[in-house]
Amino acid sequence: MSEALSLNLSNSNASEMIKNKRKFDAFLENAEQMLKGIPEIGEKAARIPVLVQLIEHYITGEYKRFPIGIMQAVGYSLYTWWKLRKANAQEILFAIIPCLTHIDSDLKDFLQWRDSRKIG
């Protein structure tokens, strides 16, 4: 199979999965569990599919709570990146770490909401 054809099939499968909300959520939750298994960085990496799910459910109107902490963290991170363009990685990391608390809080609230929907 040619590389271009393989890519088209993959894109087609991805499009189908995104259109089927249940499959997309299952995919993101499986990705979350797989990422958690990565030594040392798994818990942090597992935030990525949860963040995608939060945004998806917020945009569709299912999740009503505005993720203000995430919006603040993104804004602050962009501002920090702009101000510290020539700073070293450690300086940037120390400037961005406080944002992670806001992200964690929003993700924790979303996970509680998500889990309560599975029970009910």
PDB file of N, CA and C in Angstrom:
ATOM      1  N   MET A   1       0.859  -1.182   0.000  1.00  0.00           N
ATOM      2  CA  MET A   1       0.000   0.000   0.000  1.00  0.00           C
ATOM      3  C   MET A   1       0.897   1.234   0.000  1.00  0.00           C
ATOM      4  N   SER A   2       0.562   2.183  -0.831  1.00  0.00           N
ATOM      5  CA  SER A   2       1.385   3.385  -0.918  1.00  0.00           C
ATOM      6  C   SER A   2       1.226   4.220   0.346  1.00  0.00           C
ATOM      7  N   GLU A   3       2.241   5.022   0.609  1.00  0.00           N
ATOM      8  CA  GLU A   3       2.223   5.878   1.793  1.00  0.00           C
ATOM      9  C   GLU A   3       1.080   6.884   1.739  1.00  0.00           C
ATOM     10  N   ALA A   4       0.820   7.444   0.549  1.00  0.00           N
ATOM     11  CA  ALA A   4      -0.264   8.421   0.402  1.00  0.00           C
ATOM     12  C   ALA A   4      -1.614   7.769   0.669  1.00  0.00           C
ATOM     13  N   LEU A   5      -1.839   6.552   0.156  1.00  0.00           N
ATOM     14  CA  LEU A   5      -3.094   5.853   0.371  1.00  0.00           C
ATOM     15  C   LEU A   5      -3.257   5.523   1.848  1.00  0.00           C
ATOM     16  N   SER A   6      -2.176   5.076   2.474  1.00  0.00           N
ATOM     17  CA  SER A   6      -2.218   4.770   3.902  1.00  0.00           C
ATOM     18  C   SER A   6      -2.584   6.006   4.712  1.00  0.00           C
ATOM     19  N   LEU A   7      -2.015   7.148   4.353  1.00  0.00           N
ATOM     20  CA  LEU A   7      -2.304   8.395   5.045  1.00  0.00           C
ATOM     21  C   LEU A   7      -3.767   8.773   4.860  1.00  0.00           C
ATOM     22  N   ASN A   8      -4.299   8.619   3.641  1.00  0.00           N
ATOM     23  CA  ASN A   8      -5.703   8.923   3.398  1.00  0.00           C
ATOM     24  C   ASN A   8      -6.615   8.030   4.216  1.00  0.00           C
ATOM     25  N   LEU A   9      -6.282   6.734   4.323  1.00  0.00           N
ATOM     26  CA  LEU A   9      -7.094   5.827   5.126  1.00  0.00           C
ATOM     27  C   LEU A   9      -7.042   6.221   6.596  1.00  0.00           C
ATOM     28  N   SER A  10      -5.865   6.594   7.059  1.00  0.00           N
ATOM     29  CA  SER A  10      -5.726   7.016   8.453  1.00  0.00           C
ATOM     30  C   SER A  10      -6.538   8.278   8.708  1.00  0.00           C
ATOM     31  N   ASN A  11      -6.468   9.234   7.784  1.00  0.00           N
ATOM     32  CA  ASN A  11      -7.247  10.467   7.940  1.00  0.00           C
ATOM     33  C   ASN A  11      -8.732  10.169   7.918  1.00  0.00           C
ATOM     34  N   SER A  12      -9.145   9.245   7.052  1.00  0.00           N
ATOM     35  CA  SER A  12     -10.550   8.865   6.967  1.00  0.00           C
ATOM     36  C   SER A  12     -11.005   8.236   8.277  1.00  0.00           C
ATOM     37  N   ASN A  13     -10.199   7.343   8.822  1.00  0.00           N
ATOM     38  CA  ASN A  13     -10.538   6.702  10.097  1.00  0.00           C
ATOM     39  C   ASN A  13     -10.597   7.727  11.223  1.00  0.00           C
ATOM     40  N   ALA A  14      -9.664   8.659  11.210  1.00  0.00           N
ATOM     41  CA  ALA A  14      -9.667   9.703  12.241  1.00  0.00           C
ATOM     42  C   ALA A  14     -10.913  10.567  12.121  1.00  0.00           C
ATOM     43  N   SER A  15     -11.285  10.915  10.884  1.00  0.00           N
ATOM     44  CA  SER A  15     -12.489  11.730  10.686  1.00  0.00           C
ATOM     45  C   SER A  15     -13.729  10.996  11.168  1.00  0.00           C
ATOM     46  N   GLU A  16     -13.807   9.708  10.861  1.00  0.00           N
ATOM     47  CA  GLU A  16     -14.955   8.909  11.308  1.00  0.00           C
ATOM     48  C   GLU A  16     -15.019   8.867  12.837  1.00  0.00           C
ATOM     49  N   MET A  17     -13.849   8.672  13.470  1.00  0.00           N
ATOM     50  CA  MET A  17     -13.813   8.571  14.922  1.00  0.00           C
ATOM     51  C   MET A  17     -14.238   9.891  15.566  1.00  0.00           C
ATOM     52  N   ILE A  18     -13.775  11.004  15.038  1.00  0.00           N
ATOM     53  CA  ILE A  18     -14.117  12.306  15.611  1.00  0.00           C
ATOM     54  C   ILE A  18     -15.610  12.578  15.466  1.00  0.00           C
ATOM     55  N   LYS A  19     -16.205  12.133  14.362  1.00  0.00           N
ATOM     56  CA  LYS A  19     -17.634  12.328  14.164  1.00  0.00           C
ATOM     57  C   LYS A  19     -18.465  11.485  15.135  1.00  0.00           C
ATOM     58  N   ASN A  20     -17.938  10.333  15.538  1.00  0.00           N
ATOM     59  CA  ASN A  20     -18.632   9.472  16.487  1.00  0.00           C
ATOM     60  C   ASN A  20     -18.131   9.822  17.882  1.00  0.00           C
ATOM     61  N   LYS A  21     -18.896  10.616  18.593  1.00  0.00           N
ATOM     62  CA  LYS A  21     -18.478  11.160  19.885  1.00  0.00           C
ATOM     63  C   LYS A  21     -18.093  10.064  20.875  1.00  0.00           C
ATOM     64  N   ARG A  22     -18.858   8.995  20.905  1.00  0.00           N
ATOM     65  CA  ARG A  22     -18.578   7.915  21.857  1.00  0.00           C
ATOM     66  C   ARG A  22     -17.218   7.281  21.568  1.00  0.00           C
ATOM     67  N   LYS A  23     -16.914   7.066  20.286  1.00  0.00           N
ATOM     68  CA  LYS A  23     -15.617   6.487  19.907  1.00  0.00           C
ATOM     69  C   LYS A  23     -14.478   7.448  20.228  1.00  0.00           C
ATOM     70  N   PHE A  24     -14.713   8.727  19.973  1.00  0.00           N
ATOM     71  CA  PHE A  24     -13.677   9.729  20.234  1.00  0.00           C
ATOM     72  C   PHE A  24     -13.373   9.808  21.731  1.00  0.00           C
ATOM     73  N   ASP A  25     -14.417   9.823  22.562  1.00  0.00           N
ATOM     74  CA  ASP A  25     -14.200   9.852  24.010  1.00  0.00           C
ATOM     75  C   ASP A  25     -13.471   8.593  24.476  1.00  0.00           C
ATOM     76  N   ALA A  26     -13.852   7.431  23.928  1.00  0.00           N
ATOM     77  CA  ALA A  26     -13.183   6.178  24.296  1.00  0.00           C
ATOM     78  C   ALA A  26     -11.713   6.227  23.894  1.00  0.00           C
ATOM     79  N   PHE A  27     -11.439   6.768  22.699  1.00  0.00           N
ATOM     80  CA  PHE A  27     -10.061   6.907  22.234  1.00  0.00           C
ATOM     81  C   PHE A  27      -9.248   7.780  23.193  1.00  0.00           C
ATOM     82  N   LEU A  28      -9.821   8.932  23.582  1.00  0.00           N
ATOM     83  CA  LEU A  28      -9.109   9.852  24.480  1.00  0.00           C
ATOM     84  C   LEU A  28      -8.892   9.222  25.855  1.00  0.00           C
ATOM     85  N   GLU A  29      -9.875   8.494  26.358  1.00  0.00           N
ATOM     86  CA  GLU A  29      -9.715   7.853  27.664  1.00  0.00           C
ATOM     87  C   GLU A  29      -8.685   6.724  27.602  1.00  0.00           C
ATOM     88  N   ASN A  30      -8.647   5.987  26.486  1.00  0.00           N
ATOM     89  CA  ASN A  30      -7.605   4.960  26.318  1.00  0.00           C
ATOM     90  C   ASN A  30      -6.224   5.607  26.242  1.00  0.00           C
ATOM     91  N   ALA A  31      -6.125   6.710  25.516  1.00  0.00           N
ATOM     92  CA  ALA A  31      -4.850   7.431  25.419  1.00  0.00           C
ATOM     93  C   ALA A  31      -4.415   7.911  26.799  1.00  0.00           C
ATOM     94  N   GLU A  32      -5.360   8.407  27.572  1.00  0.00           N
ATOM     95  CA  GLU A  32      -5.060   8.867  28.938  1.00  0.00           C
ATOM     96  C   GLU A  32      -4.451   7.727  29.756  1.00  0.00           C
ATOM     97  N   GLN A  33      -5.079   6.546  29.702  1.00  0.00           N
ATOM     98  CA  GLN A  33      -4.584   5.394  30.471  1.00  0.00           C
ATOM     99  C   GLN A  33      -3.215   4.932  29.977  1.00  0.00           C
ATOM    100  N   MET A  34      -3.017   4.914  28.665  1.00  0.00           N
ATOM    101  CA  MET A  34      -1.726   4.506  28.115  1.00  0.00           C
ATOM    102  C   MET A  34      -0.627   5.476  28.529  1.00  0.00           C
ATOM    103  N   LEU A  35      -0.921   6.770  28.478  1.00  0.00           N
ATOM    104  CA  LEU A  35       0.080   7.766  28.841  1.00  0.00           C
ATOM    105  C   LEU A  35       0.435   7.692  30.318  1.00  0.00           C
ATOM    106  N   LYS A  36      -0.537   7.363  31.158  1.00  0.00           N
ATOM    107  CA  LYS A  36      -0.261   7.230  32.593  1.00  0.00           C
ATOM    108  C   LYS A  36       0.792   6.164  32.868  1.00  0.00           C
ATOM    109  N   GLY A  37       0.910   5.193  31.973  1.00  0.00           N
ATOM    110  CA  GLY A  37       1.867   4.107  32.157  1.00  0.00           C
ATOM    111  C   GLY A  37       3.303   4.462  31.822  1.00  0.00           C
ATOM    112  N   ILE A  38       3.539   5.656  31.308  1.00  0.00           N
ATOM    113  CA  ILE A  38       4.914   6.058  30.973  1.00  0.00           C
ATOM    114  C   ILE A  38       5.638   6.439  32.262  1.00  0.00           C
ATOM    115  N   PRO A  39       6.769   5.792  32.538  1.00  0.00           N
ATOM    116  CA  PRO A  39       7.506   6.117  33.767  1.00  0.00           C
ATOM    117  C   PRO A  39       7.903   7.597  33.819  1.00  0.00           C
ATOM    118  N   GLU A  40       7.818   8.149  34.990  1.00  0.00           N
ATOM    119  CA  GLU A  40       8.239   9.509  35.347  1.00  0.00           C
ATOM    120  C   GLU A  40       7.357  10.630  34.797  1.00  0.00           C
ATOM    121  N   ILE A  41       6.915  10.553  33.560  1.00  0.00           N
ATOM    122  CA  ILE A  41       6.142  11.662  32.989  1.00  0.00           C
ATOM    123  C   ILE A  41       4.689  11.298  32.699  1.00  0.00           C
ATOM    124  N   GLY A  42       4.302  10.072  33.004  1.00  0.00           N
ATOM    125  CA  GLY A  42       2.984   9.585  32.637  1.00  0.00           C
ATOM    126  C   GLY A  42       1.826  10.409  33.173  1.00  0.00           C
ATOM    127  N   GLU A  43       1.876  10.755  34.445  1.00  0.00           N
ATOM    128  CA  GLU A  43       0.773  11.516  35.042  1.00  0.00           C
ATOM    129  C   GLU A  43       0.621  12.881  34.379  1.00  0.00           C
ATOM    130  N   LYS A  44       1.725  13.514  34.072  1.00  0.00           N
ATOM    131  CA  LYS A  44       1.669  14.827  33.415  1.00  0.00           C
ATOM    132  C   LYS A  44       1.219  14.669  31.959  1.00  0.00           C
ATOM    133  N   ALA A  45       1.746  13.672  31.261  1.00  0.00           N
ATOM    134  CA  ALA A  45       1.391  13.457  29.858  1.00  0.00           C
ATOM    135  C   ALA A  45      -0.084  13.098  29.713  1.00  0.00           C
ATOM    136  N   ALA A  46      -0.643  12.411  30.696  1.00  0.00           N
ATOM    137  CA  ALA A  46      -2.051  11.991  30.638  1.00  0.00           C
ATOM    138  C   ALA A  46      -2.998  13.185  30.695  1.00  0.00           C
ATOM    139  N   ARG A  47      -2.491  14.340  31.054  1.00  0.00           N
ATOM    140  CA  ARG A  47      -3.324  15.550  31.072  1.00  0.00           C
ATOM    141  C   ARG A  47      -3.756  15.961  29.665  1.00  0.00           C
ATOM    142  N   ILE A  48      -2.953  15.627  28.674  1.00  0.00           N
ATOM    143  CA  ILE A  48      -3.211  16.107  27.311  1.00  0.00           C
ATOM    144  C   ILE A  48      -4.555  15.601  26.773  1.00  0.00           C
ATOM    145  N   PRO A  49      -4.817  14.284  26.783  1.00  0.00           N
ATOM    146  CA  PRO A  49      -6.134  13.864  26.279  1.00  0.00           C
ATOM    147  C   PRO A  49      -7.293  14.352  27.149  1.00  0.00           C
ATOM    148  N   VAL A  50      -7.057  14.512  28.450  1.00  0.00           N
ATOM    149  CA  VAL A  50      -8.111  15.039  29.325  1.00  0.00           C
ATOM    150  C   VAL A  50      -8.408  16.489  28.945  1.00  0.00           C
ATOM    151  N   LEU A  51      -7.373  17.253  28.662  1.00  0.00           N
ATOM    152  CA  LEU A  51      -7.549  18.640  28.241  1.00  0.00           C
ATOM    153  C   LEU A  51      -8.332  18.711  26.924  1.00  0.00           C
ATOM    154  N   VAL A  52      -8.016  17.816  25.996  1.00  0.00           N
ATOM    155  CA  VAL A  52      -8.745  17.785  24.719  1.00  0.00           C
ATOM    156  C   VAL A  52     -10.214  17.463  24.982  1.00  0.00           C
ATOM    157  N   GLN A  53     -10.464  16.511  25.867  1.00  0.00           N
ATOM    158  CA  GLN A  53     -11.845  16.145  26.197  1.00  0.00           C
ATOM    159  C   GLN A  53     -12.580  17.306  26.851  1.00  0.00           C
ATOM    160  N   LEU A  54     -11.916  17.997  27.765  1.00  0.00           N
ATOM    161  CA  LEU A  54     -12.535  19.146  28.429  1.00  0.00           C
ATOM    162  C   LEU A  54     -12.948  20.188  27.389  1.00  0.00           C
ATOM    163  N   ILE A  55     -12.041  20.516  26.496  1.00  0.00           N
ATOM    164  CA  ILE A  55     -12.336  21.521  25.476  1.00  0.00           C
ATOM    165  C   ILE A  55     -13.482  21.050  24.580  1.00  0.00           C
ATOM    166  N   GLU A  56     -13.440  19.789  24.185  1.00  0.00           N
ATOM    167  CA  GLU A  56     -14.493  19.231  23.333  1.00  0.00           C
ATOM    168  C   GLU A  56     -15.861  19.351  24.011  1.00  0.00           C
ATOM    169  N   HIS A  57     -15.952  18.933  25.269  1.00  0.00           N
ATOM    170  CA  HIS A  57     -17.230  18.961  25.976  1.00  0.00           C
ATOM    171  C   HIS A  57     -17.676  20.396  26.285  1.00  0.00           C
ATOM    172  N   TYR A  58     -16.723  21.294  26.463  1.00  0.00           N
ATOM    173  CA  TYR A  58     -17.089  22.697  26.691  1.00  0.00           C
ATOM    174  C   TYR A  58     -17.644  23.313  25.402  1.00  0.00           C
ATOM    175  N   ILE A  59     -16.981  23.048  24.291  1.00  0.00           N
ATOM    176  CA  ILE A  59     -17.420  23.609  23.011  1.00  0.00           C
ATOM    177  C   ILE A  59     -18.802  23.092  22.628  1.00  0.00           C
ATOM    178  N   THR A  60     -19.056  21.803  22.892  1.00  0.00           N
ATOM    179  CA  THR A  60     -20.359  21.235  22.532  1.00  0.00           C
ATOM    180  C   THR A  60     -21.457  21.627  23.511  1.00  0.00           C
ATOM    181  N   GLY A  61     -21.077  22.275  24.610  1.00  0.00           N
ATOM    182  CA  GLY A  61     -22.069  22.743  25.570  1.00  0.00           C
ATOM    183  C   GLY A  61     -22.447  21.731  26.634  1.00  0.00           C
ATOM    184  N   GLU A  62     -21.823  20.561  26.603  1.00  0.00           N
ATOM    185  CA  GLU A  62     -22.131  19.548  27.611  1.00  0.00           C
ATOM    186  C   GLU A  62     -21.514  19.902  28.962  1.00  0.00           C
ATOM    187  N   TYR A  63     -20.293  20.409  28.916  1.00  0.00           N
ATOM    188  CA  TYR A  63     -19.601  20.812  30.142  1.00  0.00           C
ATOM    189  C   TYR A  63     -19.747  22.319  30.257  1.00  0.00           C
ATOM    190  N   LYS A  64     -20.432  22.764  31.302  1.00  0.00           N
ATOM    191  CA  LYS A  64     -20.818  24.178  31.406  1.00  0.00           C
ATOM    192  C   LYS A  64     -19.800  25.066  32.109  1.00  0.00           C
ATOM    193  N   ARG A  65     -18.942  24.477  32.905  1.00  0.00           N
ATOM    194  CA  ARG A  65     -18.018  25.297  33.699  1.00  0.00           C
ATOM    195  C   ARG A  65     -16.883  25.826  32.820  1.00  0.00           C
ATOM    196  N   PHE A  66     -16.767  27.128  32.750  1.00  0.00           N
ATOM    197  CA  PHE A  66     -15.710  27.745  31.938  1.00  0.00           C
ATOM    198  C   PHE A  66     -14.352  27.459  32.573  1.00  0.00           C
ATOM    199  N   PRO A  67     -13.413  26.888  31.819  1.00  0.00           N
ATOM    200  CA  PRO A  67     -12.102  26.549  32.373  1.00  0.00           C
ATOM    201  C   PRO A  67     -11.187  27.772  32.486  1.00  0.00           C
ATOM    202  N   ILE A  68     -11.526  28.650  33.407  1.00  0.00           N
ATOM    203  CA  ILE A  68     -10.800  29.923  33.539  1.00  0.00           C
ATOM    204  C   ILE A  68      -9.322  29.701  33.869  1.00  0.00           C
ATOM    205  N   GLY A  69      -9.032  28.708  34.692  1.00  0.00           N
ATOM    206  CA  GLY A  69      -7.635  28.439  35.037  1.00  0.00           C
ATOM    207  C   GLY A  69      -6.806  28.073  33.827  1.00  0.00           C
ATOM    208  N   ILE A  70      -7.384  27.284  32.940  1.00  0.00           N
ATOM    209  CA  ILE A  70      -6.671  26.891  31.723  1.00  0.00           C
ATOM    210  C   ILE A  70      -6.465  28.110  30.831  1.00  0.00           C
ATOM    211  N   MET A  71      -7.490  28.931  30.704  1.00  0.00           N
ATOM    212  CA  MET A  71      -7.356  30.133  29.869  1.00  0.00           C
ATOM    213  C   MET A  71      -6.294  31.073  30.443  1.00  0.00           C
ATOM    214  N   GLN A  72      -6.279  31.207  31.774  1.00  0.00           N
ATOM    215  CA  GLN A  72      -5.258  32.045  32.411  1.00  0.00           C
ATOM    216  C   GLN A  72      -3.870  31.460  32.183  1.00  0.00           C
ATOM    217  N   ALA A  73      -3.759  30.145  32.311  1.00  0.00           N
ATOM    218  CA  ALA A  73      -2.463  29.493  32.141  1.00  0.00           C
ATOM    219  C   ALA A  73      -1.951  29.659  30.711  1.00  0.00           C
ATOM    220  N   VAL A  74      -2.826  29.496  29.748  1.00  0.00           N
ATOM    221  CA  VAL A  74      -2.414  29.665  28.351  1.00  0.00           C
ATOM    222  C   VAL A  74      -1.975  31.110  28.105  1.00  0.00           C
ATOM    223  N   GLY A  75      -2.784  32.053  28.558  1.00  0.00           N
ATOM    224  CA  GLY A  75      -2.429  33.462  28.386  1.00  0.00           C
ATOM    225  C   GLY A  75      -1.121  33.816  29.073  1.00  0.00           C
ATOM    226  N   TYR A  76      -0.975  33.358  30.308  1.00  0.00           N
ATOM    227  CA  TYR A  76       0.242  33.656  31.058  1.00  0.00           C
ATOM    228  C   TYR A  76       1.454  32.981  30.417  1.00  0.00           C
ATOM    229  N   SER A  77       1.266  31.756  29.932  1.00  0.00           N
ATOM    230  CA  SER A  77       2.374  31.051  29.290  1.00  0.00           C
ATOM    231  C   SER A  77       2.828  31.764  28.030  1.00  0.00           C
ATOM    232  N   LEU A  78       1.867  32.230  27.246  1.00  0.00           N
ATOM    233  CA  LEU A  78       2.231  32.982  26.035  1.00  0.00           C
ATOM    234  C   LEU A  78       2.937  34.283  26.390  1.00  0.00           C
ATOM    235  N   TYR A  79       2.436  34.980  27.395  1.00  0.00           N
ATOM    236  CA  TYR A  79       3.070  36.227  27.850  1.00  0.00           C
ATOM    237  C   TYR A  79       4.492  35.944  28.344  1.00  0.00           C
ATOM    238  N   THR A  80       4.616  34.885  29.138  1.00  0.00           N
ATOM    239  CA  THR A  80       5.927  34.525  29.686  1.00  0.00           C
ATOM    240  C   THR A  80       6.893  34.166  28.569  1.00  0.00           C
ATOM    241  N   TRP A  81       6.386  33.367  27.609  1.00  0.00           N
ATOM    242  CA  TRP A  81       7.242  32.996  26.486  1.00  0.00           C
ATOM    243  C   TRP A  81       7.713  34.249  25.745  1.00  0.00           C
ATOM    244  N   TRP A  82       6.828  35.192  25.541  1.00  0.00           N
ATOM    245  CA  TRP A  82       7.179  36.415  24.834  1.00  0.00           C
ATOM    246  C   TRP A  82       8.207  37.223  25.613  1.00  0.00           C
ATOM    247  N   LYS A  83       7.993  37.369  26.918  1.00  0.00           N
ATOM    248  CA  LYS A  83       8.906  38.170  27.751  1.00  0.00           C
ATOM    249  C   LYS A  83      10.256  37.470  27.957  1.00  0.00           C
ATOM    250  N   LEU A  84      10.235  36.141  27.998  1.00  0.00           N
ATOM    251  CA  LEU A  84      11.455  35.402  28.327  1.00  0.00           C
ATOM    252  C   LEU A  84      12.035  34.664  27.117  1.00  0.00           C
ATOM    253  N   ARG A  85      11.837  35.179  25.937  1.00  0.00           N
ATOM    254  CA  ARG A  85      12.303  34.502  24.727  1.00  0.00           C
ATOM    255  C   ARG A  85      13.782  34.135  24.804  1.00  0.00           C
ATOM    256  N   LYS A  86      14.560  34.980  25.452  1.00  0.00           N
ATOM    257  CA  LYS A  86      16.000  34.736  25.512  1.00  0.00           C
ATOM    258  C   LYS A  86      16.429  34.136  26.851  1.00  0.00           C
ATOM    259  N   ALA A  87      15.455  33.808  27.685  1.00  0.00           N
ATOM    260  CA  ALA A  87      15.776  33.200  28.982  1.00  0.00           C
ATOM    261  C   ALA A  87      16.117  31.728  28.772  1.00  0.00           C
ATOM    262  N   ASN A  88      16.764  31.151  29.775  1.00  0.00           N
ATOM    263  CA  ASN A  88      17.055  29.723  29.666  1.00  0.00           C
ATOM    264  C   ASN A  88      15.821  28.909  30.082  1.00  0.00           C
ATOM    265  N   ALA A  89      15.873  27.627  29.828  1.00  0.00           N
ATOM    266  CA  ALA A  89      14.718  26.756  30.069  1.00  0.00           C
ATOM    267  C   ALA A  89      14.302  26.758  31.541  1.00  0.00           C
ATOM    268  N   GLN A  90      15.260  26.812  32.443  1.00  0.00           N
ATOM    269  CA  GLN A  90      14.933  26.789  33.878  1.00  0.00           C
ATOM    270  C   GLN A  90      14.154  28.041  34.280  1.00  0.00           C
ATOM    271  N   GLU A  91      14.545  29.191  33.789  1.00  0.00           N
ATOM    272  CA  GLU A  91      13.830  30.432  34.105  1.00  0.00           C
ATOM    273  C   GLU A  91      12.398  30.389  33.575  1.00  0.00           C
ATOM    274  N   ILE A  92      12.258  29.874  32.364  1.00  0.00           N
ATOM    275  CA  ILE A  92      10.914  29.758  31.786  1.00  0.00           C
ATOM    276  C   ILE A  92      10.072  28.774  32.586  1.00  0.00           C
ATOM    277  N   LEU A  93      10.654  27.646  32.949  1.00  0.00           N
ATOM    278  CA  LEU A  93       9.926  26.637  33.720  1.00  0.00           C
ATOM    279  C   LEU A  93       9.451  27.207  35.049  1.00  0.00           C
ATOM    280  N   PHE A  94      10.312  27.910  35.761  1.00  0.00           N
ATOM    281  CA  PHE A  94       9.913  28.494  37.049  1.00  0.00           C
ATOM    282  C   PHE A  94       8.826  29.554  36.882  1.00  0.00           C
ATOM    283  N   ALA A  95       8.803  30.211  35.745  1.00  0.00           N
ATOM    284  CA  ALA A  95       7.765  31.213  35.505  1.00  0.00           C
ATOM    285  C   ALA A  95       6.422  30.562  35.174  1.00  0.00           C
ATOM    286  N   ILE A  96       6.457  29.380  34.569  1.00  0.00           N
ATOM    287  CA  ILE A  96       5.219  28.729  34.123  1.00  0.00           C
ATOM    288  C   ILE A  96       4.644  27.765  35.161  1.00  0.00           C
ATOM    289  N   ILE A  97       5.442  27.259  36.076  1.00  0.00           N
ATOM    290  CA  ILE A  97       4.964  26.281  37.057  1.00  0.00           C
ATOM    291  C   ILE A  97       3.694  26.721  37.783  1.00  0.00           C
ATOM    292  N   PRO A  98       3.551  27.974  38.200  1.00  0.00           N
ATOM    293  CA  PRO A  98       2.301  28.358  38.885  1.00  0.00           C
ATOM    294  C   PRO A  98       1.045  28.125  38.044  1.00  0.00           C
ATOM    295  N   CYS A  99       1.187  28.164  36.735  1.00  0.00           N
ATOM    296  CA  CYS A  99       0.031  27.924  35.853  1.00  0.00           C
ATOM    297  C   CYS A  99      -0.481  26.497  35.970  1.00  0.00           C
ATOM    298  N   LEU A 100       0.411  25.568  36.253  1.00  0.00           N
ATOM    299  CA  LEU A 100       0.005  24.166  36.315  1.00  0.00           C
ATOM    300  C   LEU A 100      -1.028  23.921  37.401  1.00  0.00           C
ATOM    301  N   THR A 101      -0.970  24.674  38.490  1.00  0.00           N
ATOM    302  CA  THR A 101      -1.955  24.525  39.554  1.00  0.00           C
ATOM    303  C   THR A 101      -3.347  24.845  39.042  1.00  0.00           C
ATOM    304  N   HIS A 102      -3.468  25.898  38.256  1.00  0.00           N
ATOM    305  CA  HIS A 102      -4.768  26.273  37.692  1.00  0.00           C
ATOM    306  C   HIS A 102      -5.269  25.214  36.720  1.00  0.00           C
ATOM    307  N   ILE A 103      -4.371  24.685  35.915  1.00  0.00           N
ATOM    308  CA  ILE A 103      -4.754  23.641  34.971  1.00  0.00           C
ATOM    309  C   ILE A 103      -5.217  22.403  35.730  1.00  0.00           C
ATOM    310  N   ASP A 104      -4.456  22.015  36.751  1.00  0.00           N
ATOM    311  CA  ASP A 104      -4.817  20.831  37.536  1.00  0.00           C
ATOM    312  C   ASP A 104      -6.189  20.985  38.168  1.00  0.00           C
ATOM    313  N   SER A 105      -6.481  22.158  38.665  1.00  0.00           N
ATOM    314  CA  SER A 105      -7.775  22.399  39.303  1.00  0.00           C
ATOM    315  C   SER A 105      -8.912  22.230  38.295  1.00  0.00           C
ATOM    316  N   ASP A 106      -8.764  22.817  37.114  1.00  0.00           N
ATOM    317  CA  ASP A 106      -9.788  22.684  36.072  1.00  0.00           C
ATOM    318  C   ASP A 106      -9.922  21.235  35.619  1.00  0.00           C
ATOM    319  N   LEU A 107      -8.797  20.548  35.446  1.00  0.00           N
ATOM    320  CA  LEU A 107      -8.847  19.155  35.002  1.00  0.00           C
ATOM    321  C   LEU A 107      -9.485  18.261  36.062  1.00  0.00           C
ATOM    322  N   LYS A 108      -9.181  18.530  37.331  1.00  0.00           N
ATOM    323  CA  LYS A 108      -9.789  17.752  38.420  1.00  0.00           C
ATOM    324  C   LYS A 108     -11.309  17.944  38.425  1.00  0.00           C
ATOM    325  N   ASP A 109     -11.765  19.166  38.284  1.00  0.00           N
ATOM    326  CA  ASP A 109     -13.209  19.439  38.223  1.00  0.00           C
ATOM    327  C   ASP A 109     -13.850  18.723  37.033  1.00  0.00           C
ATOM    328  N   PHE A 110     -13.177  18.772  35.884  1.00  0.00           N
ATOM    329  CA  PHE A 110     -13.713  18.112  34.698  1.00  0.00           C
ATOM    330  C   PHE A 110     -13.774  16.598  34.900  1.00  0.00           C
ATOM    331  N   LEU A 111     -12.703  16.019  35.466  1.00  0.00           N
ATOM    332  CA  LEU A 111     -12.688  14.568  35.684  1.00  0.00           C
ATOM    333  C   LEU A 111     -13.808  14.139  36.628  1.00  0.00           C
ATOM    334  N   GLN A 112     -14.086  14.939  37.657  1.00  0.00           N
ATOM    335  CA  GLN A 112     -15.207  14.625  38.546  1.00  0.00           C
ATOM    336  C   GLN A 112     -16.518  14.663  37.767  1.00  0.00           C
ATOM    337  N   TRP A 113     -16.689  15.656  36.919  1.00  0.00           N
ATOM    338  CA  TRP A 113     -17.896  15.764  36.092  1.00  0.00           C
ATOM    339  C   TRP A 113     -17.991  14.573  35.154  1.00  0.00           C
ATOM    340  N   ARG A 114     -16.880  14.243  34.493  1.00  0.00           N
ATOM    341  CA  ARG A 114     -16.859  13.121  33.539  1.00  0.00           C
ATOM    342  C   ARG A 114     -17.196  11.805  34.230  1.00  0.00           C
ATOM    343  N   ASP A 115     -16.597  11.583  35.396  1.00  0.00           N
ATOM    344  CA  ASP A 115     -16.846  10.340  36.118  1.00  0.00           C
ATOM    345  C   ASP A 115     -18.278  10.253  36.632  1.00  0.00           C
ATOM    346  N   SER A 116     -18.864  11.394  37.023  1.00  0.00           N
ATOM    347  CA  SER A 116     -20.236  11.385  37.514  1.00  0.00           C
ATOM    348  C   SER A 116     -21.203  11.041  36.385  1.00  0.00           C
ATOM    349  N   ARG A 117     -20.875  11.371  35.168  1.00  0.00           N
ATOM    350  CA  ARG A 117     -21.728  11.044  34.012  1.00  0.00           C
ATOM    351  C   ARG A 117     -21.703   9.561  33.715  1.00  0.00           C
ATOM    352  N   LYS A 118     -20.584   8.899  33.999  1.00  0.00           N
ATOM    353  CA  LYS A 118     -20.479   7.460  33.750  1.00  0.00           C
ATOM    354  C   LYS A 118     -21.337   6.673  34.741  1.00  0.00           C
ATOM    355  N   ILE A 119     -21.405   7.176  35.978  1.00  0.00           N
ATOM    356  CA  ILE A 119     -22.177   6.503  37.020  1.00  0.00           C
ATOM    357  C   ILE A 119     -23.657   6.668  36.773  1.00  0.00           C
ATOM    358  N   GLY A 120     -24.064   7.883  36.388  1.00  0.00           N
ATOM    359  CA  GLY A 120     -25.483   8.209  36.224  1.00  0.00           C
ATOM    360  C   GLY A 120     -26.101   7.795  34.958  1.00  0.00           C
TER     361      GLY A 120
END
